[in-house]
Protein backbone atom coordinates (compact mmCIF):
# COMPACT_ATOMS: atom_id res chain seq x y z
CA MET A 1 43.87 -8.43 4.97
CA VAL A 2 40.55 -9.38 3.50
CA ALA A 3 38.15 -10.97 5.99
CA LYS A 4 36.63 -13.45 3.55
CA GLY A 5 37.64 -15.86 0.88
CA HIS A 6 41.37 -16.31 1.36
CA ASP A 7 43.33 -19.04 3.07
CA PHE A 8 46.77 -18.02 4.31
CA PRO A 9 48.00 -21.07 6.25
CA GLU A 10 51.13 -19.34 7.59
CA VAL A 11 49.28 -16.41 9.21
CA SER A 12 49.66 -16.76 12.96
CA ALA A 13 48.64 -13.27 14.09
CA VAL A 14 45.92 -10.84 13.06
CA GLY A 15 45.48 -7.28 14.30
CA ILE A 16 42.10 -5.61 13.88
CA LEU A 17 42.14 -1.81 14.19
CA ALA A 18 38.97 0.08 15.13
CA ALA A 19 37.13 -3.21 15.54
CA ASP A 20 34.04 -1.39 16.75
CA SER A 21 33.81 1.26 14.00
CA LEU A 22 30.84 -0.37 12.23
CA LEU A 23 28.89 -0.32 15.49
CA ASN A 24 28.53 3.44 15.04
CA MET A 25 26.56 3.02 11.81
CA PRO A 26 22.91 4.10 12.11
CA ALA A 27 21.65 0.71 10.95
CA TYR A 28 19.95 -2.13 12.79
CA TRP A 29 22.34 -4.66 11.21
CA ALA A 30 25.55 -2.98 12.44
CA GLY A 31 26.07 -5.47 15.27
CA GLU A 32 25.54 -8.48 13.03
CA ARG A 33 27.89 -7.17 10.34
CA THR A 34 30.58 -6.29 12.90
CA PHE A 35 30.34 -9.75 14.45
CA GLN A 36 30.64 -11.38 11.01
CA LEU A 37 33.70 -9.36 10.02
CA LEU A 38 35.50 -9.83 13.32
CA THR A 39 34.94 -13.58 13.49
CA GLN A 40 35.89 -14.00 9.83
CA ALA A 41 39.09 -11.96 10.22
CA ALA A 42 39.98 -13.89 13.37
CA GLY A 43 39.32 -17.12 11.48
CA ARG A 44 42.18 -16.33 9.08
CA THR A 45 44.78 -16.98 11.78
CA GLY A 46 46.14 -20.23 13.15
CA ARG A 47 45.20 -22.39 10.18
CA GLY A 48 48.71 -23.75 9.72
CA THR A 49 50.98 -25.46 12.23
CA ALA A 50 51.51 -22.37 14.42
CA PRO A 51 48.76 -21.38 16.87
CA GLY A 52 46.88 -18.19 16.07
CA LYS A 53 46.62 -14.92 17.97
CA VAL A 54 44.15 -12.08 17.40
CA VAL A 55 44.53 -8.54 18.77
CA MET A 56 41.54 -6.18 18.52
CA GLN A 57 41.67 -2.43 19.06
CA THR A 58 38.34 -1.14 20.36
CA TYR A 59 36.82 1.73 22.29
CA ALA A 60 33.98 -0.52 23.45
CA PRO A 61 35.54 -3.69 24.88
CA ASP A 62 32.41 -4.45 26.93
CA HIS A 63 29.99 -4.19 23.99
CA TYR A 64 28.22 -7.51 23.51
CA VAL A 65 29.35 -7.76 19.87
CA ILE A 66 33.03 -7.33 20.78
CA ARG A 67 32.73 -9.68 23.77
CA HIS A 68 31.08 -12.47 21.79
CA SER A 69 33.33 -12.12 18.74
CA LYS A 70 36.40 -12.21 20.99
CA ASN A 71 35.15 -15.51 22.43
CA GLN A 72 33.83 -16.82 19.07
CA ASP A 73 30.50 -17.22 20.89
CA TYR A 74 27.95 -17.40 18.08
CA LYS A 75 25.10 -18.56 20.31
CA GLY A 76 25.66 -15.82 22.89
CA PHE A 77 25.82 -13.19 20.16
CA TYR A 78 22.61 -14.48 18.55
CA GLU A 79 20.72 -14.46 21.85
CA GLU A 80 21.63 -10.83 22.61
CA GLU A 81 21.14 -9.63 19.03
CA ILE A 82 17.72 -11.26 18.63
CA THR A 83 16.57 -9.79 21.97
CA TYR A 84 17.70 -6.33 20.83
CA ARG A 85 15.85 -6.69 17.52
CA ARG A 86 12.68 -7.95 19.19
CA GLU A 87 12.64 -5.06 21.69
CA LEU A 88 13.21 -2.42 18.99
CA ALA A 89 10.95 -4.03 16.35
CA TYR A 90 13.65 -4.69 13.75
CA PRO A 91 13.75 -7.59 11.29
CA PRO A 92 12.85 -10.40 11.60
CA PHE A 93 10.18 -9.04 13.96
CA ALA A 94 9.13 -6.22 11.63
CA GLN A 95 9.35 -5.26 7.99
CA LEU A 96 11.10 -2.15 6.69
CA VAL A 97 10.65 -0.05 3.58
CA LYS A 98 13.25 2.64 2.89
CA ILE A 99 12.20 5.44 0.54
CA VAL A 100 15.23 7.37 -0.70
CA LEU A 101 14.59 10.83 -2.13
CA ILE A 102 17.14 12.38 -4.50
CA ASP A 103 17.17 15.89 -6.02
CA GLU A 104 19.70 18.46 -7.20
CA ASP A 105 17.69 21.20 -5.47
CA GLU A 106 17.69 20.82 -1.68
CA ASN A 107 14.42 22.76 -1.27
CA ALA A 108 12.71 20.60 -3.90
CA LEU A 109 14.01 17.51 -2.09
CA TRP A 110 12.36 18.51 1.19
CA GLU A 111 9.15 19.52 -0.60
CA LYS A 112 9.05 16.07 -2.22
CA GLY A 113 9.68 14.54 1.22
CA ARG A 114 6.77 16.48 2.74
CA ARG A 115 4.44 15.44 -0.09
CA LEU A 116 5.30 11.76 0.25
CA TYR A 117 5.07 11.95 4.04
CA ASP A 118 1.60 13.49 3.70
CA GLU A 119 0.57 10.69 1.30
CA LEU A 120 1.77 8.08 3.78
CA ARG A 121 -0.02 9.84 6.67
CA ARG A 122 -3.28 9.91 4.71
CA TYR A 123 -2.96 6.20 4.07
CA LYS A 124 -2.13 5.52 7.72
CA ASP A 125 -5.11 7.55 8.94
CA ILE A 126 -7.69 5.60 6.90
CA ARG A 127 -6.36 2.09 7.56
CA LEU A 128 -7.83 -0.11 10.27
CA ASP A 129 -5.03 -2.67 10.37
CA PRO A 130 -1.83 -1.94 12.29
CA ALA A 131 -0.45 1.12 10.57
CA PRO A 132 3.27 1.39 9.95
CA GLU A 133 5.51 3.76 11.81
CA ILE A 134 6.64 6.59 9.49
CA ILE A 135 10.11 7.88 10.31
CA GLY A 136 11.37 10.93 8.46
CA PRO A 137 12.03 12.45 6.12
CA TYR A 138 15.56 12.84 7.42
CA VAL A 139 18.98 13.47 5.87
CA ASP A 140 20.47 10.26 4.45
CA ILE A 141 23.72 8.95 5.94
CA ILE A 142 25.50 10.56 2.97
CA LYS A 143 23.77 13.90 2.45
CA LYS A 144 24.98 14.58 -1.09
CA ILE A 145 26.30 12.31 -3.84
CA ARG A 146 27.35 13.64 -7.25
CA ASN A 147 25.74 17.03 -6.60
CA LYS A 148 22.40 15.46 -5.62
CA TYR A 149 20.91 15.80 -2.15
CA ARG A 150 19.50 12.72 -0.43
CA ALA A 151 16.85 12.19 2.23
CA VAL A 152 15.08 9.11 3.58
CA ILE A 153 11.63 8.13 4.79
CA LEU A 154 11.58 4.82 6.65
CA LEU A 155 8.47 2.71 7.17
CA ARG A 156 8.46 0.07 9.89
CA GLY A 157 5.69 -2.30 10.89
CA PRO A 158 4.75 -5.93 11.51
CA ASP A 159 3.28 -6.35 8.01
CA LEU A 160 3.78 -3.79 5.25
CA THR A 161 1.98 -5.72 2.49
CA SER A 162 -0.92 -3.27 2.18
CA ILE A 163 1.21 -0.11 2.20
CA LYS A 164 3.53 -1.61 -0.42
CA ALA A 165 0.45 -2.18 -2.62
CA TYR A 166 -0.69 1.39 -1.93
CA MET A 167 2.68 2.78 -3.01
CA ARG A 168 2.66 0.56 -6.11
CA ASP A 169 -0.70 2.10 -7.14
CA ASN A 170 0.21 5.72 -6.32
CA ALA A 171 1.97 7.81 -8.99
CA ALA A 172 3.66 10.00 -6.34
CA PHE A 173 5.98 7.10 -5.52
CA PHE A 174 7.07 6.80 -9.16
CA GLU A 175 8.34 10.36 -9.48
CA ARG A 176 11.85 10.94 -10.67
CA GLY A 177 14.23 10.81 -7.71
CA VAL A 178 12.19 8.40 -5.58
CA LEU A 179 13.75 5.00 -4.87
CA ILE A 180 11.90 2.37 -2.86
CA ASP A 181 13.92 -0.33 -1.12
CA VAL A 182 11.88 -3.12 0.48
CA ASP A 183 13.70 -4.92 3.31
CA PRO A 184 16.76 -2.67 2.96
CA ALA A 185 20.23 -3.70 4.00
CA PHE A 186 21.05 0.02 4.42
């Protein structure tokens, strides 16, 4: 069943398998997305005359996302999620820039990654304002797509305005196989 956009008034039971699978994604938004999908899927049941029942299969029944979605507790989920994001400096408490590197030659990919990392380090070393954290380069979540290798450099900081301008003015960031995603959804 699709979680969004359909109204099936006679649905009185919904089973959600592997309800926690998205929580294993290496992305700061995994909890939010899981909560959205679980509450939306649960919302499909009990719309008609019969009461609704939802059964969730999970390996993490005590995880705050599962707990709050089970109870349809939006406020409780928000309070835990926003605390988590504040402590780990994720949006909305920080900005992110994801630089995706793509190349058919794996060695060339890592060389490109080292060059861009060095450019970012040089920038960071001469700036007086809070410098961004540079994470990577590391293998992208999907290492190879259509015979092209992928790697990522992630920038995180309270305000990335100046480094975005630096990248805009630097030809190295306009090479073939360099994609820049500001405020990525991963």
